[in-house]
Amino acid sequence: MSLQQTVDVLLRLIARNHQADLAVLTTGETRYSHFATTLVVPLDAPEHILLGWRQARALPDLTPSAPLIAALNVVLDVLAKEATVHELLVEATRLQWELADSKIADRISGLFAAGQAEPHIVQQHVFRVLSSIEDSDAASHRIAELKADLQDRKHIAEAKSLLQRKLGLTEGQAYVRLQQASRRSRRPIAEIAREVCAEQNLRGRRIA
């Protein structure tokens, strides 16, 4: 599903806050018999969080995780609306084209009835109506931008991970290293990250 990484990291943080061995989203009465202690955390969504501990223990106070649970509720609410958003976008596009079709056909019929359906006038009207529609080129361009942004994020995340392992840095320190290199070279941080990843991949091939 969309936002899966966000869901996973929130669950990991909740589990860490309470030293739980398990933190998953589930529905219904799912049982984990190999856990001595389990706790069901209700959510606003149909799902709930199941926390599990292999050792018997007292149930924890969830107050420290309240902000994380609230964030998870927001994420699940967005996911619940995702299908509706897709349906609305499809319907909006259909209506947009239906309206354009009506405008063109009605105008040309009127010109034809008045004996004014000159080819160049018809052409101008068709072009004018269709140019007002959000065309597929704009959508394709936006999709390409989003794909590029996502790929940049992946390169930055990979570069940070490499620097953490190689230099013993924290995630924050690794990101600062990339920022500093970006400022020094006056190049985008994503470009620096790609070079870090490429250099590591090249070393890996040489070793192999």
C-alpha atoms as a PDB file:
ATOM      1  CA  MET A   1       0.000   0.000   0.000  1.00  0.00           C
ATOM      2  CA  SER A   2       1.009   3.641  -0.281  1.00  0.00           C
ATOM      3  CA  LEU A   3       2.827   5.131   2.727  1.00  0.00           C
ATOM      4  CA  GLN A   4       3.907   1.644   3.768  1.00  0.00           C
ATOM      5  CA  GLN A   5       7.354   2.827   4.856  1.00  0.00           C
ATOM      6  CA  THR A   6       5.749   5.494   7.038  1.00  0.00           C
ATOM      7  CA  VAL A   7       3.452   2.934   8.649  1.00  0.00           C
ATOM      8  CA  ASP A   8       6.378   0.575   9.254  1.00  0.00           C
ATOM      9  CA  VAL A   9       8.616   3.185  10.869  1.00  0.00           C
ATOM     10  CA  LEU A  10       5.828   4.421  13.154  1.00  0.00           C
ATOM     11  CA  LEU A  11       5.143   0.868  14.296  1.00  0.00           C
ATOM     12  CA  ARG A  12       8.854   0.288  14.938  1.00  0.00           C
ATOM     13  CA  LEU A  13       9.028   3.428  17.082  1.00  0.00           C
ATOM     14  CA  ILE A  14       5.952   2.405  19.072  1.00  0.00           C
ATOM     15  CA  ALA A  15       7.457  -1.047  19.646  1.00  0.00           C
ATOM     16  CA  ARG A  16      10.758   0.467  20.777  1.00  0.00           C
ATOM     17  CA  ASN A  17       9.023   2.853  23.177  1.00  0.00           C
ATOM     18  CA  HIS A  18       7.532  -0.107  25.039  1.00  0.00           C
ATOM     19  CA  GLN A  19      10.245  -2.740  24.464  1.00  0.00           C
ATOM     20  CA  ALA A  20       7.691  -4.798  22.542  1.00  0.00           C
ATOM     21  CA  ASP A  21       8.809  -7.730  20.390  1.00  0.00           C
ATOM     22  CA  LEU A  22       5.951  -7.149  17.971  1.00  0.00           C
ATOM     23  CA  ALA A  23       3.980  -4.163  16.706  1.00  0.00           C
ATOM     24  CA  VAL A  24       1.717  -4.775  13.726  1.00  0.00           C
ATOM     25  CA  LEU A  25      -1.473  -3.467  12.204  1.00  0.00           C
ATOM     26  CA  THR A  26      -4.184  -6.074  12.194  1.00  0.00           C
ATOM     27  CA  THR A  27      -7.949  -6.439  11.972  1.00  0.00           C
ATOM     28  CA  GLY A  28     -10.322  -8.791  13.735  1.00  0.00           C
ATOM     29  CA  GLU A  29      -9.274 -11.120  16.537  1.00  0.00           C
ATOM     30  CA  THR A  30      -5.842 -12.131  15.331  1.00  0.00           C
ATOM     31  CA  ARG A  31      -4.033 -14.333  17.839  1.00  0.00           C
ATOM     32  CA  TYR A  32      -0.301 -14.621  18.399  1.00  0.00           C
ATOM     33  CA  SER A  33      -0.082 -17.617  20.729  1.00  0.00           C
ATOM     34  CA  HIS A  34       3.719 -17.510  20.975  1.00  0.00           C
ATOM     35  CA  PHE A  35       3.556 -14.155  22.815  1.00  0.00           C
ATOM     36  CA  ALA A  36       3.060 -14.278  26.575  1.00  0.00           C
ATOM     37  CA  THR A  37       1.604 -10.773  26.705  1.00  0.00           C
ATOM     38  CA  THR A  38      -0.340  -8.905  24.022  1.00  0.00           C
ATOM     39  CA  LEU A  39      -2.063  -5.542  23.929  1.00  0.00           C
ATOM     40  CA  VAL A  40      -4.579  -4.273  21.390  1.00  0.00           C
ATOM     41  CA  VAL A  41      -4.386  -0.523  20.770  1.00  0.00           C
ATOM     42  CA  PRO A  42      -7.596   0.820  19.155  1.00  0.00           C
ATOM     43  CA  LEU A  43      -7.260   3.213  16.231  1.00  0.00           C
ATOM     44  CA  ASP A  44      -9.733   5.440  14.405  1.00  0.00           C
ATOM     45  CA  ALA A  45      -9.377   3.161  11.355  1.00  0.00           C
ATOM     46  CA  PRO A  46     -10.751  -0.398  11.077  1.00  0.00           C
ATOM     47  CA  GLU A  47      -7.253  -1.658  11.894  1.00  0.00           C
ATOM     48  CA  HIS A  48      -5.716  -1.684  15.342  1.00  0.00           C
ATOM     49  CA  ILE A  49      -2.176  -2.026  16.648  1.00  0.00           C
ATOM     50  CA  LEU A  50      -1.221  -5.323  18.217  1.00  0.00           C
ATOM     51  CA  LEU A  51       1.739  -5.150  20.594  1.00  0.00           C
ATOM     52  CA  GLY A  52       3.321  -8.397  21.721  1.00  0.00           C
ATOM     53  CA  TRP A  53       5.953  -9.443  24.268  1.00  0.00           C
ATOM     54  CA  ARG A  54       7.494 -12.896  24.455  1.00  0.00           C
ATOM     55  CA  GLN A  55       7.841 -12.599  28.235  1.00  0.00           C
ATOM     56  CA  ALA A  56       4.930 -12.049  30.609  1.00  0.00           C
ATOM     57  CA  ARG A  57       4.809  -8.460  31.824  1.00  0.00           C
ATOM     58  CA  ALA A  58       2.466  -5.725  33.008  1.00  0.00           C
ATOM     59  CA  LEU A  59       0.723  -3.781  30.257  1.00  0.00           C
ATOM     60  CA  PRO A  60       2.480  -0.464  29.608  1.00  0.00           C
ATOM     61  CA  ASP A  61       1.249   3.112  29.799  1.00  0.00           C
ATOM     62  CA  LEU A  62       0.852   4.179  26.163  1.00  0.00           C
ATOM     63  CA  THR A  63       1.044   7.913  26.904  1.00  0.00           C
ATOM     64  CA  PRO A  64       4.622   8.273  25.542  1.00  0.00           C
ATOM     65  CA  SER A  65       3.446   6.855  22.211  1.00  0.00           C
ATOM     66  CA  ALA A  66       0.314   9.008  21.939  1.00  0.00           C
ATOM     67  CA  PRO A  67       1.866  11.338  19.291  1.00  0.00           C
ATOM     68  CA  LEU A  68       2.970   8.338  17.225  1.00  0.00           C
ATOM     69  CA  ILE A  69      -0.464   6.740  17.465  1.00  0.00           C
ATOM     70  CA  ALA A  70      -2.050  10.043  16.421  1.00  0.00           C
ATOM     71  CA  ALA A  71       0.307  10.235  13.433  1.00  0.00           C
ATOM     72  CA  LEU A  72      -0.571   6.660  12.485  1.00  0.00           C
ATOM     73  CA  ASN A  73      -4.270   7.556  12.639  1.00  0.00           C
ATOM     74  CA  VAL A  74      -3.663  10.411  10.191  1.00  0.00           C
ATOM     75  CA  VAL A  75      -1.735   8.140   7.814  1.00  0.00           C
ATOM     76  CA  LEU A  76      -4.458   5.489   7.858  1.00  0.00           C
ATOM     77  CA  ASP A  77      -7.126   8.142   7.289  1.00  0.00           C
ATOM     78  CA  VAL A  78      -5.270   9.344   4.183  1.00  0.00           C
ATOM     79  CA  LEU A  79      -4.964   5.773   2.924  1.00  0.00           C
ATOM     80  CA  ALA A  80      -8.690   5.206   3.443  1.00  0.00           C
ATOM     81  CA  LYS A  81      -9.382   8.213   1.232  1.00  0.00           C
ATOM     82  CA  GLU A  82      -6.912   7.170  -1.474  1.00  0.00           C
ATOM     83  CA  ALA A  83      -9.377   5.095  -3.511  1.00  0.00           C
ATOM     84  CA  THR A  84     -11.969   7.880  -3.314  1.00  0.00           C
ATOM     85  CA  VAL A  85      -9.425  10.428  -4.549  1.00  0.00           C
ATOM     86  CA  HIS A  86      -8.581   8.227  -7.527  1.00  0.00           C
ATOM     87  CA  GLU A  87     -12.255   7.845  -8.378  1.00  0.00           C
ATOM     88  CA  LEU A  88     -12.802  11.608  -8.155  1.00  0.00           C
ATOM     89  CA  LEU A  89      -9.838  12.329 -10.431  1.00  0.00           C
ATOM     90  CA  VAL A  90     -11.130   9.875 -13.030  1.00  0.00           C
ATOM     91  CA  GLU A  91     -14.627  11.388 -12.828  1.00  0.00           C
ATOM     92  CA  ALA A  92     -13.261  14.949 -13.085  1.00  0.00           C
ATOM     93  CA  THR A  93     -11.292  14.013 -16.201  1.00  0.00           C
ATOM     94  CA  ARG A  94     -14.320  12.331 -17.771  1.00  0.00           C
ATOM     95  CA  LEU A  95     -16.526  15.372 -17.125  1.00  0.00           C
ATOM     96  CA  GLN A  96     -13.854  17.707 -18.448  1.00  0.00           C
ATOM     97  CA  TRP A  97     -13.739  15.867 -21.768  1.00  0.00           C
ATOM     98  CA  GLU A  98     -17.518  15.529 -21.907  1.00  0.00           C
ATOM     99  CA  LEU A  99     -17.859  19.299 -21.439  1.00  0.00           C
ATOM    100  CA  ALA A 100     -15.273  19.971 -24.148  1.00  0.00           C
ATOM    101  CA  ASP A 101     -17.080  17.589 -26.498  1.00  0.00           C
ATOM    102  CA  SER A 102     -20.362  19.418 -25.890  1.00  0.00           C
ATOM    103  CA  LYS A 103     -18.798  22.859 -26.438  1.00  0.00           C
ATOM    104  CA  ILE A 104     -17.196  21.840 -29.715  1.00  0.00           C
ATOM    105  CA  ALA A 105     -20.207  19.964 -31.111  1.00  0.00           C
ATOM    106  CA  ASP A 106     -22.724  22.673 -30.143  1.00  0.00           C
ATOM    107  CA  ARG A 107     -20.619  25.483 -31.584  1.00  0.00           C
ATOM    108  CA  ILE A 108     -19.899  23.683 -34.837  1.00  0.00           C
ATOM    109  CA  SER A 109     -23.580  22.741 -35.210  1.00  0.00           C
ATOM    110  CA  GLY A 110     -24.492  26.393 -34.716  1.00  0.00           C
ATOM    111  CA  LEU A 111     -21.955  27.546 -37.295  1.00  0.00           C
ATOM    112  CA  PHE A 112     -23.140  24.883 -39.717  1.00  0.00           C
ATOM    113  CA  ALA A 113     -26.787  25.947 -39.319  1.00  0.00           C
ATOM    114  CA  ALA A 114     -25.822  29.583 -39.931  1.00  0.00           C
ATOM    115  CA  GLY A 115     -23.786  28.682 -42.985  1.00  0.00           C
ATOM    116  CA  GLN A 116     -20.597  29.882 -41.266  1.00  0.00           C
ATOM    117  CA  ALA A 117     -18.793  26.580 -40.706  1.00  0.00           C
ATOM    118  CA  GLU A 118     -15.635  27.680 -42.477  1.00  0.00           C
ATOM    119  CA  PRO A 119     -12.793  25.179 -41.951  1.00  0.00           C
ATOM    120  CA  HIS A 120     -10.452  27.705 -40.331  1.00  0.00           C
ATOM    121  CA  ILE A 121     -13.189  28.894 -37.925  1.00  0.00           C
ATOM    122  CA  VAL A 122     -13.964  25.317 -36.921  1.00  0.00           C
ATOM    123  CA  GLN A 123     -10.254  24.636 -36.438  1.00  0.00           C
ATOM    124  CA  GLN A 124      -9.820  27.709 -34.218  1.00  0.00           C
ATOM    125  CA  HIS A 125     -12.763  26.702 -32.054  1.00  0.00           C
ATOM    126  CA  VAL A 126     -11.529  23.136 -31.619  1.00  0.00           C
ATOM    127  CA  PHE A 127      -8.047  24.332 -30.710  1.00  0.00           C
ATOM    128  CA  ARG A 128      -9.374  26.973 -28.298  1.00  0.00           C
ATOM    129  CA  VAL A 129     -11.594  24.552 -26.389  1.00  0.00           C
ATOM    130  CA  LEU A 130      -9.052  21.725 -26.177  1.00  0.00           C
ATOM    131  CA  SER A 131      -6.184  24.028 -25.189  1.00  0.00           C
ATOM    132  CA  SER A 132      -8.083  24.909 -21.997  1.00  0.00           C
ATOM    133  CA  ILE A 133      -8.024  21.271 -20.869  1.00  0.00           C
ATOM    134  CA  GLU A 134      -5.242  19.998 -18.626  1.00  0.00           C
ATOM    135  CA  ASP A 135      -3.532  17.880 -21.232  1.00  0.00           C
ATOM    136  CA  SER A 136      -1.677  14.624 -20.821  1.00  0.00           C
ATOM    137  CA  ASP A 137       1.662  16.312 -21.515  1.00  0.00           C
ATOM    138  CA  ALA A 138       1.328  18.358 -18.321  1.00  0.00           C
ATOM    139  CA  ALA A 139       0.376  15.256 -16.352  1.00  0.00           C
ATOM    140  CA  SER A 140       3.266  13.282 -17.860  1.00  0.00           C
ATOM    141  CA  HIS A 141       5.678  16.080 -16.991  1.00  0.00           C
ATOM    142  CA  ARG A 142       4.449  16.130 -13.394  1.00  0.00           C
ATOM    143  CA  ILE A 143       4.760  12.344 -13.135  1.00  0.00           C
ATOM    144  CA  ALA A 144       8.339  12.536 -14.446  1.00  0.00           C
ATOM    145  CA  GLU A 145       9.163  15.209 -11.850  1.00  0.00           C
ATOM    146  CA  LEU A 146       7.723  13.110  -9.023  1.00  0.00           C
ATOM    147  CA  LYS A 147       9.610  10.010 -10.187  1.00  0.00           C
ATOM    148  CA  ALA A 148      12.848  12.014 -10.292  1.00  0.00           C
ATOM    149  CA  ASP A 149      12.211  13.407  -6.799  1.00  0.00           C
ATOM    150  CA  LEU A 150      11.518   9.910  -5.474  1.00  0.00           C
ATOM    151  CA  GLN A 151      14.697   8.549  -7.060  1.00  0.00           C
ATOM    152  CA  ASP A 152      16.683  11.429  -5.543  1.00  0.00           C
ATOM    153  CA  ARG A 153      15.289  10.578  -2.112  1.00  0.00           C
ATOM    154  CA  LYS A 154      16.335   6.957  -2.563  1.00  0.00           C
ATOM    155  CA  HIS A 155      19.884   7.978  -3.544  1.00  0.00           C
ATOM    156  CA  ILE A 156      20.161  10.308  -0.544  1.00  0.00           C
ATOM    157  CA  ALA A 157      18.911   7.598   1.823  1.00  0.00           C
ATOM    158  CA  GLU A 158      21.366   5.071   0.348  1.00  0.00           C
ATOM    159  CA  ALA A 159      24.267   7.547   0.521  1.00  0.00           C
ATOM    160  CA  LYS A 160      23.487   8.340   4.171  1.00  0.00           C
ATOM    161  CA  SER A 161      23.433   4.639   4.984  1.00  0.00           C
ATOM    162  CA  LEU A 162      26.800   4.131   3.267  1.00  0.00           C
ATOM    163  CA  LEU A 163      28.380   7.036   5.160  1.00  0.00           C
ATOM    164  CA  GLN A 164      26.954   5.762   8.444  1.00  0.00           C
ATOM    165  CA  ARG A 165      28.505   2.326   7.924  1.00  0.00           C
ATOM    166  CA  LYS A 166      31.803   3.597   6.541  1.00  0.00           C
ATOM    167  CA  LEU A 167      32.459   6.471   8.966  1.00  0.00           C
ATOM    168  CA  GLY A 168      30.427   5.441  11.989  1.00  0.00           C
ATOM    169  CA  LEU A 169      28.152   8.477  11.721  1.00  0.00           C
ATOM    170  CA  THR A 170      24.594   8.981  12.866  1.00  0.00           C
ATOM    171  CA  GLU A 171      21.886   9.534  10.273  1.00  0.00           C
ATOM    172  CA  GLY A 172      21.926  13.268  11.011  1.00  0.00           C
ATOM    173  CA  GLN A 173      25.708  13.529  10.751  1.00  0.00           C
ATOM    174  CA  ALA A 174      25.711  11.665   7.445  1.00  0.00           C
ATOM    175  CA  TYR A 175      23.143  14.084   6.034  1.00  0.00           C
ATOM    176  CA  VAL A 176      25.226  17.076   7.201  1.00  0.00           C
ATOM    177  CA  ARG A 177      28.228  15.581   5.343  1.00  0.00           C
ATOM    178  CA  LEU A 178      26.184  15.444   2.161  1.00  0.00           C
ATOM    179  CA  GLN A 179      24.942  19.011   2.696  1.00  0.00           C
ATOM    180  CA  GLN A 180      28.466  20.305   3.216  1.00  0.00           C
ATOM    181  CA  ALA A 181      29.692  18.592   0.047  1.00  0.00           C
ATOM    182  CA  SER A 182      26.724  20.045  -1.814  1.00  0.00           C
ATOM    183  CA  ARG A 183      27.519  23.592  -0.650  1.00  0.00           C
ATOM    184  CA  ARG A 184      31.231  23.274  -1.382  1.00  0.00           C
ATOM    185  CA  SER A 185      30.653  22.045  -4.918  1.00  0.00           C
ATOM    186  CA  ARG A 186      27.536  24.171  -5.500  1.00  0.00           C
ATOM    187  CA  ARG A 187      25.689  21.133  -6.778  1.00  0.00           C
ATOM    188  CA  PRO A 188      22.395  19.549  -5.673  1.00  0.00           C
ATOM    189  CA  ILE A 189      22.634  17.194  -2.722  1.00  0.00           C
ATOM    190  CA  ALA A 190      21.003  14.450  -4.797  1.00  0.00           C
ATOM    191  CA  GLU A 191      23.866  14.656  -7.285  1.00  0.00           C
ATOM    192  CA  ILE A 192      26.413  14.268  -4.475  1.00  0.00           C
ATOM    193  CA  ALA A 193      24.441  11.298  -3.138  1.00  0.00           C
ATOM    194  CA  ARG A 194      24.450   9.625  -6.553  1.00  0.00           C
ATOM    195  CA  GLU A 195      28.247   9.983  -6.711  1.00  0.00           C
ATOM    196  CA  VAL A 196      28.652   8.433  -3.260  1.00  0.00           C
ATOM    197  CA  CYS A 197      26.479   5.479  -4.301  1.00  0.00           C
ATOM    198  CA  ALA A 198      28.246   5.106  -7.665  1.00  0.00           C
ATOM    199  CA  GLU A 199      31.667   5.130  -6.001  1.00  0.00           C
ATOM    200  CA  GLN A 200      30.611   2.437  -3.552  1.00  0.00           C
ATOM    201  CA  ASN A 201      29.127   0.303  -6.338  1.00  0.00           C
ATOM    202  CA  LEU A 202      32.351   0.664  -8.337  1.00  0.00           C
ATOM    203  CA  ARG A 203      34.425  -0.468  -5.338  1.00  0.00           C
ATOM    204  CA  GLY A 204      32.108  -3.406  -4.857  1.00  0.00           C
ATOM    205  CA  ARG A 205      32.621  -4.514  -8.460  1.00  0.00           C
ATOM    206  CA  ARG A 206      36.402  -4.204  -8.144  1.00  0.00           C
ATOM    207  CA  ILE A 207      36.406  -6.352  -5.009  1.00  0.00           C
ATOM    208  CA  ALA A 208      34.212  -8.937  -6.732  1.00  0.00           C
END
